[in-house]
Amino acid sequence: MEEFELLEKTELRIENLGLQNVNLTDVANAVADTLEINRDEVLVIDARGSLLTLDIMRDQMRPSSLVGKQQVLFSALGKVAGVTITDETTLCSEGILGWILVDQKLGERSLTQGQQIAANIRSTIARRVIVFATGPEVISGEIEDTNTPTIAAVLTGEGYRVTAGGPLDDDIDTIAGVLRSAIEDRGFGIVITTGGVGAETKDKTVEALEMLDTEASTPYLAKFEKGQGRHAKDGIRIGVAKMGDALLVALPGPNDEVVISIQALVEGLAAGEGKELLAERIVGVLRKRMSDFHRKQKHETRGHS
């Protein structure tokens, strides 16, 4: 089960209990074991009179480890030497930690319903796609963006909802910022870019993906001698990255390459492939196309000799 943010509401307050020569480490350990977290993630921050206050030192918790745990927690604390739990003992907690107070059956039913809702939301987001073309030529209108309609036609036919994101300038920070916003602020599950994957200085798309995912899969479509001609980089790469559950895909700019790339992407998504396999699938069809093209050129050259 996924974890939920505690949003800084990390305190547990237990009131109306007896404390007599108590080992606070034993108290913290009893709470940690009950909540199924590491023992060093619970700290007693106040113990005086009939009040015990603890801090849960983590950012997220699984609701399933909290639901209906009040009596279990009281029972565990009651076994700690020097701690007395009575019928008057109460527990106070806020935010996600408040699940401790919920009736177990009601809580479990609510969790099941919540998981179903969350799964439906994730499924919807996973099929929301936004497409960006890159390059000043597209921005200025010198070149028509034929890639976005091509991608939209294919993915819409597969049941995806596709939005045209518009053109992006060849600036790594701009590209990374827009792609991040598409996922975090606009709720897209798949973000696709076309262009900007070449070996020239202006090509920044793959590098933008690497800013968002340092473990992005970026296999080479072709390799060059760095510094030769316009080749400021050592080759052409495509990219597939992840941000949370969202997928980012950097494809080449030529439309005929986009056509075969998007079909490969669709097949990989249907097969449930991760970013590494998706990237290899896409670059594989592109390499084959390039190889077939060169073989055809050689054949035609021999035919005219």
C-alpha atoms as a PDB file:
ATOM      1  CA  MET A   1       0.000   0.000   0.000  1.00  0.00           C
ATOM      2  CA  GLU A   2       1.242   3.499  -0.804  1.00  0.00           C
ATOM      3  CA  GLU A   3       2.327   5.885   1.923  1.00  0.00           C
ATOM      4  CA  PHE A   4       0.704   9.229   2.684  1.00  0.00           C
ATOM      5  CA  GLU A   5       2.398  12.475   3.642  1.00  0.00           C
ATOM      6  CA  LEU A   6       2.134  13.369   7.323  1.00  0.00           C
ATOM      7  CA  LEU A   7       2.342  17.070   6.401  1.00  0.00           C
ATOM      8  CA  GLU A   8       4.261  17.873   9.605  1.00  0.00           C
ATOM      9  CA  LYS A   9       1.450  16.523  11.821  1.00  0.00           C
ATOM     10  CA  THR A  10       3.738  14.036  13.531  1.00  0.00           C
ATOM     11  CA  GLU A  11       2.827  14.209  17.220  1.00  0.00           C
ATOM     12  CA  LEU A  12       1.061  11.579  19.305  1.00  0.00           C
ATOM     13  CA  ARG A  13      -0.218  12.752  22.706  1.00  0.00           C
ATOM     14  CA  ILE A  14      -1.332  10.211  25.289  1.00  0.00           C
ATOM     15  CA  GLU A  15      -3.134  11.668  28.279  1.00  0.00           C
ATOM     16  CA  ASN A  16      -4.364  10.339  31.595  1.00  0.00           C
ATOM     17  CA  LEU A  17      -1.855   7.548  31.988  1.00  0.00           C
ATOM     18  CA  GLY A  18       0.434   6.719  34.888  1.00  0.00           C
ATOM     19  CA  LEU A  19       4.198   7.162  34.623  1.00  0.00           C
ATOM     20  CA  GLN A  20       6.549   5.900  37.322  1.00  0.00           C
ATOM     21  CA  ASN A  21      10.313   5.574  36.754  1.00  0.00           C
ATOM     22  CA  VAL A  22       9.702   4.770  33.068  1.00  0.00           C
ATOM     23  CA  ASN A  23      12.425   3.940  30.566  1.00  0.00           C
ATOM     24  CA  LEU A  24      11.539   6.268  27.679  1.00  0.00           C
ATOM     25  CA  THR A  25      13.447   4.183  25.159  1.00  0.00           C
ATOM     26  CA  ASP A  26      11.180   1.237  25.977  1.00  0.00           C
ATOM     27  CA  VAL A  27       8.157   3.497  25.489  1.00  0.00           C
ATOM     28  CA  ALA A  28       9.405   4.696  22.078  1.00  0.00           C
ATOM     29  CA  ASN A  29      10.191   1.133  21.008  1.00  0.00           C
ATOM     30  CA  ALA A  30       6.706  -0.073  21.970  1.00  0.00           C
ATOM     31  CA  VAL A  31       5.109   2.668  19.864  1.00  0.00           C
ATOM     32  CA  ALA A  32       7.427   2.025  16.899  1.00  0.00           C
ATOM     33  CA  ASP A  33       6.736  -1.703  16.935  1.00  0.00           C
ATOM     34  CA  THR A  34       2.988  -1.127  17.099  1.00  0.00           C
ATOM     35  CA  LEU A  35       3.058   1.311  14.157  1.00  0.00           C
ATOM     36  CA  GLU A  36       5.403  -0.946  12.163  1.00  0.00           C
ATOM     37  CA  ILE A  37       8.170   1.599  11.748  1.00  0.00           C
ATOM     38  CA  ASN A  38      11.833   1.663  12.717  1.00  0.00           C
ATOM     39  CA  ARG A  39      12.570   2.133  16.393  1.00  0.00           C
ATOM     40  CA  ASP A  40      14.803   5.136  15.738  1.00  0.00           C
ATOM     41  CA  GLU A  41      11.846   6.907  14.088  1.00  0.00           C
ATOM     42  CA  VAL A  42       9.979   7.487  17.368  1.00  0.00           C
ATOM     43  CA  LEU A  43      11.131  10.029  19.937  1.00  0.00           C
ATOM     44  CA  VAL A  44       9.571  10.814  23.318  1.00  0.00           C
ATOM     45  CA  ILE A  45       9.553  14.614  23.483  1.00  0.00           C
ATOM     46  CA  ASP A  46       7.568  15.102  26.686  1.00  0.00           C
ATOM     47  CA  ALA A  47       6.818  12.859  29.677  1.00  0.00           C
ATOM     48  CA  ARG A  48       5.407  14.549  32.789  1.00  0.00           C
ATOM     49  CA  GLY A  49       2.520  14.018  35.121  1.00  0.00           C
ATOM     50  CA  SER A  50      -0.129  12.063  33.223  1.00  0.00           C
ATOM     51  CA  LEU A  51       0.986  13.248  29.754  1.00  0.00           C
ATOM     52  CA  LEU A  52       3.192  11.480  27.237  1.00  0.00           C
ATOM     53  CA  THR A  53       4.038  13.135  23.906  1.00  0.00           C
ATOM     54  CA  LEU A  54       5.885  11.392  21.089  1.00  0.00           C
ATOM     55  CA  ASP A  55       7.150  12.560  17.721  1.00  0.00           C
ATOM     56  CA  ILE A  56       7.036  10.309  14.651  1.00  0.00           C
ATOM     57  CA  MET A  57      10.220  11.235  12.797  1.00  0.00           C
ATOM     58  CA  ARG A  58       9.269  10.406   9.236  1.00  0.00           C
ATOM     59  CA  ASP A  59       7.468  12.177   6.405  1.00  0.00           C
ATOM     60  CA  GLN A  60       5.118   9.395   5.295  1.00  0.00           C
ATOM     61  CA  MET A  61       3.123   6.534   6.782  1.00  0.00           C
ATOM     62  CA  ARG A  62       1.044   3.652   5.476  1.00  0.00           C
ATOM     63  CA  PRO A  63      -2.559   4.092   6.700  1.00  0.00           C
ATOM     64  CA  SER A  64      -2.844   0.301   7.058  1.00  0.00           C
ATOM     65  CA  SER A  65      -0.237   0.422   9.846  1.00  0.00           C
ATOM     66  CA  LEU A  66      -2.326   2.992  11.745  1.00  0.00           C
ATOM     67  CA  VAL A  67      -5.985   2.036  11.380  1.00  0.00           C
ATOM     68  CA  GLY A  68      -7.597   0.875  14.610  1.00  0.00           C
ATOM     69  CA  LYS A  69      -4.298   0.725  16.483  1.00  0.00           C
ATOM     70  CA  GLN A  70      -5.339   2.701  19.583  1.00  0.00           C
ATOM     71  CA  GLN A  71      -6.112  -0.305  21.791  1.00  0.00           C
ATOM     72  CA  VAL A  72      -3.136  -2.244  20.428  1.00  0.00           C
ATOM     73  CA  LEU A  73      -0.939   0.736  21.255  1.00  0.00           C
ATOM     74  CA  PHE A  74      -2.364   1.050  24.766  1.00  0.00           C
ATOM     75  CA  SER A  75      -1.824  -2.669  25.325  1.00  0.00           C
ATOM     76  CA  ALA A  76       1.818  -2.420  24.190  1.00  0.00           C
ATOM     77  CA  LEU A  77       2.462   0.604  26.421  1.00  0.00           C
ATOM     78  CA  GLY A  78       0.784  -1.128  29.346  1.00  0.00           C
ATOM     79  CA  LYS A  79       3.451  -3.825  29.184  1.00  0.00           C
ATOM     80  CA  VAL A  80       6.243  -1.264  29.597  1.00  0.00           C
ATOM     81  CA  ALA A  81       7.495  -1.165  33.188  1.00  0.00           C
ATOM     82  CA  GLY A  82       6.233   1.920  34.986  1.00  0.00           C
ATOM     83  CA  VAL A  83       3.413   2.741  32.549  1.00  0.00           C
ATOM     84  CA  THR A  84      -0.190   2.426  33.727  1.00  0.00           C
ATOM     85  CA  ILE A  85      -3.045   2.515  31.223  1.00  0.00           C
ATOM     86  CA  THR A  86      -6.580   3.075  32.568  1.00  0.00           C
ATOM     87  CA  ASP A  87     -10.075   3.480  31.154  1.00  0.00           C
ATOM     88  CA  GLU A  88      -9.462   7.230  31.296  1.00  0.00           C
ATOM     89  CA  THR A  89      -6.368   7.082  29.077  1.00  0.00           C
ATOM     90  CA  THR A  90      -6.886   8.885  25.773  1.00  0.00           C
ATOM     91  CA  LEU A  91      -4.863   9.407  22.626  1.00  0.00           C
ATOM     92  CA  CYS A  92      -4.825  12.532  20.499  1.00  0.00           C
ATOM     93  CA  SER A  93      -3.345  12.769  17.009  1.00  0.00           C
ATOM     94  CA  GLU A  94      -3.996  14.809  13.878  1.00  0.00           C
ATOM     95  CA  GLY A  95      -3.726  14.362  10.140  1.00  0.00           C
ATOM     96  CA  ILE A  96      -2.845  10.885   8.876  1.00  0.00           C
ATOM     97  CA  LEU A  97      -1.924   9.799  12.397  1.00  0.00           C
ATOM     98  CA  GLY A  98      -5.571  10.294  13.283  1.00  0.00           C
ATOM     99  CA  TRP A  99      -6.277   6.950  11.593  1.00  0.00           C
ATOM    100  CA  ILE A 100      -5.114   5.360  14.857  1.00  0.00           C
ATOM    101  CA  LEU A 101      -8.389   6.456  16.437  1.00  0.00           C
ATOM    102  CA  VAL A 102     -10.645   5.102  13.701  1.00  0.00           C
ATOM    103  CA  ASP A 103     -12.660   1.935  14.268  1.00  0.00           C
ATOM    104  CA  GLN A 104     -10.745  -0.886  12.607  1.00  0.00           C
ATOM    105  CA  LYS A 105     -13.557  -2.274  10.433  1.00  0.00           C
ATOM    106  CA  LEU A 106     -14.689   1.181   9.362  1.00  0.00           C
ATOM    107  CA  GLY A 107     -11.103   2.210   8.715  1.00  0.00           C
ATOM    108  CA  GLU A 108     -10.318  -0.863   6.639  1.00  0.00           C
ATOM    109  CA  ARG A 109     -13.462  -0.330   4.586  1.00  0.00           C
ATOM    110  CA  SER A 110     -12.520   3.316   4.034  1.00  0.00           C
ATOM    111  CA  LEU A 111      -8.986   2.331   3.045  1.00  0.00           C
ATOM    112  CA  THR A 112     -10.311  -0.164   0.491  1.00  0.00           C
ATOM    113  CA  GLN A 113     -12.590   2.468  -1.001  1.00  0.00           C
ATOM    114  CA  GLY A 114      -9.747   4.975  -0.996  1.00  0.00           C
ATOM    115  CA  GLN A 115      -7.433   2.524  -2.746  1.00  0.00           C
ATOM    116  CA  GLN A 116     -10.036   1.945  -5.439  1.00  0.00           C
ATOM    117  CA  ILE A 117     -10.476   5.669  -5.950  1.00  0.00           C
ATOM    118  CA  ALA A 118      -6.694   6.184  -6.031  1.00  0.00           C
ATOM    119  CA  ALA A 119      -6.303   3.352  -8.545  1.00  0.00           C
ATOM    120  CA  ASN A 120      -8.962   4.922 -10.779  1.00  0.00           C
ATOM    121  CA  ILE A 121      -7.228   8.291 -10.569  1.00  0.00           C
ATOM    122  CA  ARG A 122      -3.848   6.747 -11.407  1.00  0.00           C
ATOM    123  CA  SER A 123      -5.392   4.892 -14.343  1.00  0.00           C
ATOM    124  CA  THR A 124      -6.920   8.111 -15.673  1.00  0.00           C
ATOM    125  CA  ILE A 125      -3.692  10.083 -15.261  1.00  0.00           C
ATOM    126  CA  ALA A 126      -1.676   7.307 -16.931  1.00  0.00           C
ATOM    127  CA  ARG A 127      -3.712   7.800 -20.112  1.00  0.00           C
ATOM    128  CA  ARG A 128      -3.411  11.592 -20.176  1.00  0.00           C
ATOM    129  CA  VAL A 129      -0.721  12.585 -22.670  1.00  0.00           C
ATOM    130  CA  ILE A 130       0.760  15.944 -23.563  1.00  0.00           C
ATOM    131  CA  VAL A 131       3.035  16.482 -26.578  1.00  0.00           C
ATOM    132  CA  PHE A 132       5.614  19.234 -27.085  1.00  0.00           C
ATOM    133  CA  ALA A 133       7.539  19.984 -30.273  1.00  0.00           C
ATOM    134  CA  THR A 134      10.892  21.715 -29.748  1.00  0.00           C
ATOM    135  CA  GLY A 135      12.911  24.203 -31.733  1.00  0.00           C
ATOM    136  CA  PRO A 136      12.790  27.871 -32.809  1.00  0.00           C
ATOM    137  CA  GLU A 137      11.752  26.828 -36.335  1.00  0.00           C
ATOM    138  CA  VAL A 138       8.494  25.466 -34.965  1.00  0.00           C
ATOM    139  CA  ILE A 139       7.986  28.479 -32.683  1.00  0.00           C
ATOM    140  CA  SER A 140       8.494  30.937 -35.546  1.00  0.00           C
ATOM    141  CA  GLY A 141       6.199  28.988 -37.849  1.00  0.00           C
ATOM    142  CA  GLU A 142       8.937  28.269 -40.384  1.00  0.00           C
ATOM    143  CA  ILE A 143       8.274  24.552 -39.932  1.00  0.00           C
ATOM    144  CA  GLU A 144       4.833  23.016 -39.445  1.00  0.00           C
ATOM    145  CA  ASP A 145       4.476  20.788 -36.418  1.00  0.00           C
ATOM    146  CA  THR A 146       3.319  17.563 -38.039  1.00  0.00           C
ATOM    147  CA  ASN A 147       4.526  15.429 -35.137  1.00  0.00           C
ATOM    148  CA  THR A 148       1.921  16.409 -32.562  1.00  0.00           C
ATOM    149  CA  PRO A 149      -1.044  15.516 -34.836  1.00  0.00           C
ATOM    150  CA  THR A 150       0.682  12.262 -35.789  1.00  0.00           C
ATOM    151  CA  ILE A 151       1.203  11.249 -32.181  1.00  0.00           C
ATOM    152  CA  ALA A 152      -2.302  12.377 -31.203  1.00  0.00           C
ATOM    153  CA  ALA A 153      -3.908  10.308 -33.965  1.00  0.00           C
ATOM    154  CA  VAL A 154      -2.102   7.123 -32.934  1.00  0.00           C
ATOM    155  CA  LEU A 155      -2.570   7.484 -29.175  1.00  0.00           C
ATOM    156  CA  THR A 156      -6.180   8.628 -29.406  1.00  0.00           C
ATOM    157  CA  GLY A 157      -6.889   5.491 -31.380  1.00  0.00           C
ATOM    158  CA  GLU A 158      -5.448   3.522 -28.455  1.00  0.00           C
ATOM    159  CA  GLY A 159      -7.715   5.191 -25.906  1.00  0.00           C
ATOM    160  CA  TYR A 160      -5.362   7.907 -24.657  1.00  0.00           C
ATOM    161  CA  ARG A 161      -6.401  11.530 -24.186  1.00  0.00           C
ATOM    162  CA  VAL A 162      -3.856  13.729 -25.961  1.00  0.00           C
ATOM    163  CA  THR A 163      -3.208  17.437 -25.487  1.00  0.00           C
ATOM    164  CA  ALA A 164      -1.018  19.604 -27.717  1.00  0.00           C
ATOM    165  CA  GLY A 165       1.434  21.342 -25.424  1.00  0.00           C
ATOM    166  CA  GLY A 166       2.781  23.721 -28.057  1.00  0.00           C
ATOM    167  CA  PRO A 167       6.392  24.372 -29.100  1.00  0.00           C
ATOM    168  CA  LEU A 168       9.326  24.704 -26.717  1.00  0.00           C
ATOM    169  CA  ASP A 169      12.492  26.707 -27.219  1.00  0.00           C
ATOM    170  CA  ASP A 170      15.844  24.902 -27.191  1.00  0.00           C
ATOM    171  CA  ASP A 171      16.664  25.858 -23.597  1.00  0.00           C
ATOM    172  CA  ILE A 172      17.377  23.099 -21.089  1.00  0.00           C
ATOM    173  CA  ASP A 173      15.913  24.919 -18.069  1.00  0.00           C
ATOM    174  CA  THR A 174      12.776  25.933 -19.957  1.00  0.00           C
ATOM    175  CA  ILE A 175      12.211  22.410 -21.246  1.00  0.00           C
ATOM    176  CA  ALA A 176      12.804  20.802 -17.849  1.00  0.00           C
ATOM    177  CA  GLY A 177      10.546  23.322 -16.130  1.00  0.00           C
ATOM    178  CA  VAL A 178       7.666  22.868 -18.558  1.00  0.00           C
ATOM    179  CA  LEU A 179       7.910  19.073 -18.440  1.00  0.00           C
ATOM    180  CA  ARG A 180       7.984  19.075 -14.636  1.00  0.00           C
ATOM    181  CA  SER A 181       4.961  21.369 -14.517  1.00  0.00           C
ATOM    182  CA  ALA A 182       3.063  19.149 -16.958  1.00  0.00           C
ATOM    183  CA  ILE A 183       3.405  16.292 -14.475  1.00  0.00           C
ATOM    184  CA  GLU A 184       3.251  17.983 -11.083  1.00  0.00           C
ATOM    185  CA  ASP A 185       0.821  20.834 -11.811  1.00  0.00           C
ATOM    186  CA  ARG A 186      -1.238  19.663 -14.787  1.00  0.00           C
ATOM    187  CA  GLY A 187      -1.577  15.973 -14.002  1.00  0.00           C
ATOM    188  CA  PHE A 188      -0.308  14.338 -17.193  1.00  0.00           C
ATOM    189  CA  GLY A 189       0.873  10.748 -16.975  1.00  0.00           C
ATOM    190  CA  ILE A 190       2.848  10.722 -20.241  1.00  0.00           C
ATOM    191  CA  VAL A 191       4.882  13.646 -21.579  1.00  0.00           C
ATOM    192  CA  ILE A 192       6.330  13.369 -25.094  1.00  0.00           C
ATOM    193  CA  THR A 193       8.755  15.715 -26.821  1.00  0.00           C
ATOM    194  CA  THR A 194       9.862  15.660 -30.446  1.00  0.00           C
ATOM    195  CA  GLY A 195      13.145  17.122 -31.658  1.00  0.00           C
ATOM    196  CA  GLY A 196      16.211  18.328 -29.819  1.00  0.00           C
ATOM    197  CA  VAL A 197      17.849  14.916 -29.469  1.00  0.00           C
ATOM    198  CA  GLY A 198      20.716  15.514 -31.895  1.00  0.00           C
ATOM    199  CA  ALA A 199      24.433  16.127 -31.424  1.00  0.00           C
ATOM    200  CA  GLU A 200      24.467  19.901 -31.875  1.00  0.00           C
ATOM    201  CA  THR A 201      24.853  22.435 -29.077  1.00  0.00           C
ATOM    202  CA  LYS A 202      21.238  23.569 -29.480  1.00  0.00           C
ATOM    203  CA  ASP A 203      19.847  20.060 -28.831  1.00  0.00           C
ATOM    204  CA  LYS A 204      18.823  19.982 -25.168  1.00  0.00           C
ATOM    205  CA  THR A 205      15.811  17.675 -24.805  1.00  0.00           C
ATOM    206  CA  VAL A 206      17.567  14.548 -23.576  1.00  0.00           C
ATOM    207  CA  GLU A 207      19.634  16.598 -21.146  1.00  0.00           C
ATOM    208  CA  ALA A 208      16.401  18.121 -19.787  1.00  0.00           C
ATOM    209  CA  LEU A 209      15.060  14.620 -19.135  1.00  0.00           C
ATOM    210  CA  GLU A 210      18.263  13.775 -17.278  1.00  0.00           C
ATOM    211  CA  MET A 211      17.727  16.811 -15.048  1.00  0.00           C
ATOM    212  CA  LEU A 212      14.343  15.375 -14.035  1.00  0.00           C
ATOM    213  CA  ASP A 213      15.500  11.768 -13.761  1.00  0.00           C
ATOM    214  CA  THR A 214      19.213  11.184 -13.206  1.00  0.00           C
ATOM    215  CA  GLU A 215      18.658   7.521 -14.100  1.00  0.00           C
ATOM    216  CA  ALA A 216      16.832   8.216 -17.355  1.00  0.00           C
ATOM    217  CA  SER A 217      17.415   5.638 -20.097  1.00  0.00           C
ATOM    218  CA  THR A 218      19.089   7.445 -23.022  1.00  0.00           C
ATOM    219  CA  PRO A 219      20.437   4.950 -25.589  1.00  0.00           C
ATOM    220  CA  TYR A 220      22.305   6.139 -28.685  1.00  0.00           C
ATOM    221  CA  LEU A 221      20.648   6.091 -32.063  1.00  0.00           C
ATOM    222  CA  ALA A 222      23.959   6.998 -33.685  1.00  0.00           C
ATOM    223  CA  LYS A 223      27.434   7.911 -32.456  1.00  0.00           C
ATOM    224  CA  PHE A 224      29.852  10.476 -33.896  1.00  0.00           C
ATOM    225  CA  GLU A 225      33.307  11.842 -33.352  1.00  0.00           C
ATOM    226  CA  LYS A 226      32.721  14.618 -30.851  1.00  0.00           C
ATOM    227  CA  GLY A 227      33.735  18.015 -32.184  1.00  0.00           C
ATOM    228  CA  GLN A 228      33.623  16.912 -35.808  1.00  0.00           C
ATOM    229  CA  GLY A 229      31.654  19.417 -37.877  1.00  0.00           C
ATOM    230  CA  ARG A 230      28.533  20.502 -36.002  1.00  0.00           C
ATOM    231  CA  HIS A 231      28.759  17.540 -33.630  1.00  0.00           C
ATOM    232  CA  ALA A 232      29.282  19.188 -30.251  1.00  0.00           C
ATOM    233  CA  LYS A 233      28.177  15.931 -28.645  1.00  0.00           C
ATOM    234  CA  ASP A 234      29.170  12.357 -29.325  1.00  0.00           C
ATOM    235  CA  GLY A 235      25.898  11.177 -30.801  1.00  0.00           C
ATOM    236  CA  ILE A 236      22.135  11.197 -31.170  1.00  0.00           C
ATOM    237  CA  ARG A 237      20.167   9.806 -28.247  1.00  0.00           C
ATOM    238  CA  ILE A 238      16.509   9.278 -27.475  1.00  0.00           C
ATOM    239  CA  GLY A 239      15.310   9.346 -23.892  1.00  0.00           C
ATOM    240  CA  VAL A 240      12.770   7.725 -21.594  1.00  0.00           C
ATOM    241  CA  ALA A 241      12.529   8.949 -18.007  1.00  0.00           C
ATOM    242  CA  LYS A 242      10.257   8.668 -14.985  1.00  0.00           C
ATOM    243  CA  MET A 243       8.989  11.193 -12.469  1.00  0.00           C
ATOM    244  CA  GLY A 244       6.957   9.355  -9.900  1.00  0.00           C
ATOM    245  CA  ASP A 245       4.439   7.343 -11.889  1.00  0.00           C
ATOM    246  CA  ALA A 246       4.676   9.636 -14.923  1.00  0.00           C
ATOM    247  CA  LEU A 247       6.627   8.793 -18.072  1.00  0.00           C
ATOM    248  CA  LEU A 248       8.688  11.237 -20.143  1.00  0.00           C
ATOM    249  CA  VAL A 249       9.722  10.345 -23.682  1.00  0.00           C
ATOM    250  CA  ALA A 250      12.087  12.323 -25.930  1.00  0.00           C
ATOM    251  CA  LEU A 251      11.722  11.373 -29.603  1.00  0.00           C
ATOM    252  CA  PRO A 252      13.562  12.615 -32.709  1.00  0.00           C
ATOM    253  CA  GLY A 253      12.160  15.419 -34.839  1.00  0.00           C
ATOM    254  CA  PRO A 254      11.725  13.905 -38.342  1.00  0.00           C
ATOM    255  CA  ASN A 255       8.104  12.864 -38.805  1.00  0.00           C
ATOM    256  CA  ASP A 256       8.880   9.501 -40.380  1.00  0.00           C
ATOM    257  CA  GLU A 257      10.951   8.628 -37.300  1.00  0.00           C
ATOM    258  CA  VAL A 258       8.146   9.789 -35.016  1.00  0.00           C
ATOM    259  CA  VAL A 259       5.693   7.503 -36.843  1.00  0.00           C
ATOM    260  CA  ILE A 260       7.654   4.352 -36.090  1.00  0.00           C
ATOM    261  CA  SER A 261       8.721   5.558 -32.638  1.00  0.00           C
ATOM    262  CA  ILE A 262       5.201   6.174 -31.414  1.00  0.00           C
ATOM    263  CA  GLN A 263       4.071   2.761 -32.610  1.00  0.00           C
ATOM    264  CA  ALA A 264       6.944   1.190 -30.697  1.00  0.00           C
ATOM    265  CA  LEU A 265       5.970   3.210 -27.626  1.00  0.00           C
ATOM    266  CA  VAL A 266       2.362   2.019 -27.847  1.00  0.00           C
ATOM    267  CA  GLU A 267       3.481  -1.603 -28.069  1.00  0.00           C
ATOM    268  CA  GLY A 268       5.847  -1.187 -25.120  1.00  0.00           C
ATOM    269  CA  LEU A 269       3.190   0.463 -22.968  1.00  0.00           C
ATOM    270  CA  ALA A 270       0.746  -2.332 -23.767  1.00  0.00           C
ATOM    271  CA  ALA A 271       3.404  -4.826 -22.664  1.00  0.00           C
ATOM    272  CA  GLY A 272       3.895  -2.954 -19.378  1.00  0.00           C
ATOM    273  CA  GLU A 273       7.566  -2.243 -20.061  1.00  0.00           C
ATOM    274  CA  GLY A 274       9.667   0.034 -17.855  1.00  0.00           C
ATOM    275  CA  LYS A 275      11.747   2.932 -19.081  1.00  0.00           C
ATOM    276  CA  GLU A 276      14.798   0.864 -20.017  1.00  0.00           C
ATOM    277  CA  LEU A 277      12.871  -1.617 -22.168  1.00  0.00           C
ATOM    278  CA  LEU A 278      10.768   1.152 -23.709  1.00  0.00           C
ATOM    279  CA  ALA A 279      13.891   3.099 -24.652  1.00  0.00           C
ATOM    280  CA  GLU A 280      15.528   0.022 -26.188  1.00  0.00           C
ATOM    281  CA  ARG A 281      12.354  -0.827 -28.099  1.00  0.00           C
ATOM    282  CA  ILE A 282      12.116   2.677 -29.562  1.00  0.00           C
ATOM    283  CA  VAL A 283      15.794   3.035 -30.406  1.00  0.00           C
ATOM    284  CA  GLY A 284      15.741  -0.474 -31.888  1.00  0.00           C
ATOM    285  CA  VAL A 285      13.160   0.383 -34.548  1.00  0.00           C
ATOM    286  CA  LEU A 286      14.985   3.632 -35.299  1.00  0.00           C
ATOM    287  CA  ARG A 287      18.324   1.860 -35.733  1.00  0.00           C
ATOM    288  CA  LYS A 288      16.701  -0.685 -38.031  1.00  0.00           C
ATOM    289  CA  ARG A 289      15.205   2.083 -40.141  1.00  0.00           C
ATOM    290  CA  MET A 290      18.590   3.781 -40.375  1.00  0.00           C
ATOM    291  CA  SER A 291      20.300   0.494 -41.293  1.00  0.00           C
ATOM    292  CA  ASP A 292      17.690  -0.289 -43.964  1.00  0.00           C
ATOM    293  CA  PHE A 293      18.088   3.211 -45.402  1.00  0.00           C
ATOM    294  CA  HIS A 294      21.883   2.892 -45.695  1.00  0.00           C
ATOM    295  CA  ARG A 295      21.578  -0.584 -47.204  1.00  0.00           C
ATOM    296  CA  LYS A 296      19.129   0.725 -49.788  1.00  0.00           C
ATOM    297  CA  GLN A 297      21.462   3.607 -50.653  1.00  0.00           C
ATOM    298  CA  LYS A 298      24.366   1.212 -51.200  1.00  0.00           C
ATOM    299  CA  HIS A 299      22.209  -1.001 -53.405  1.00  0.00           C
ATOM    300  CA  GLU A 300      21.086   1.964 -55.520  1.00  0.00           C
ATOM    301  CA  THR A 301      24.674   3.200 -55.812  1.00  0.00           C
ATOM    302  CA  ARG A 302      25.814  -0.186 -57.118  1.00  0.00           C
ATOM    303  CA  GLY A 303      22.911  -0.252 -59.555  1.00  0.00           C
ATOM    304  CA  HIS A 304      24.015   3.022 -61.118  1.00  0.00           C
ATOM    305  CA  SER A 305      27.707   2.107 -61.318  1.00  0.00           C
END
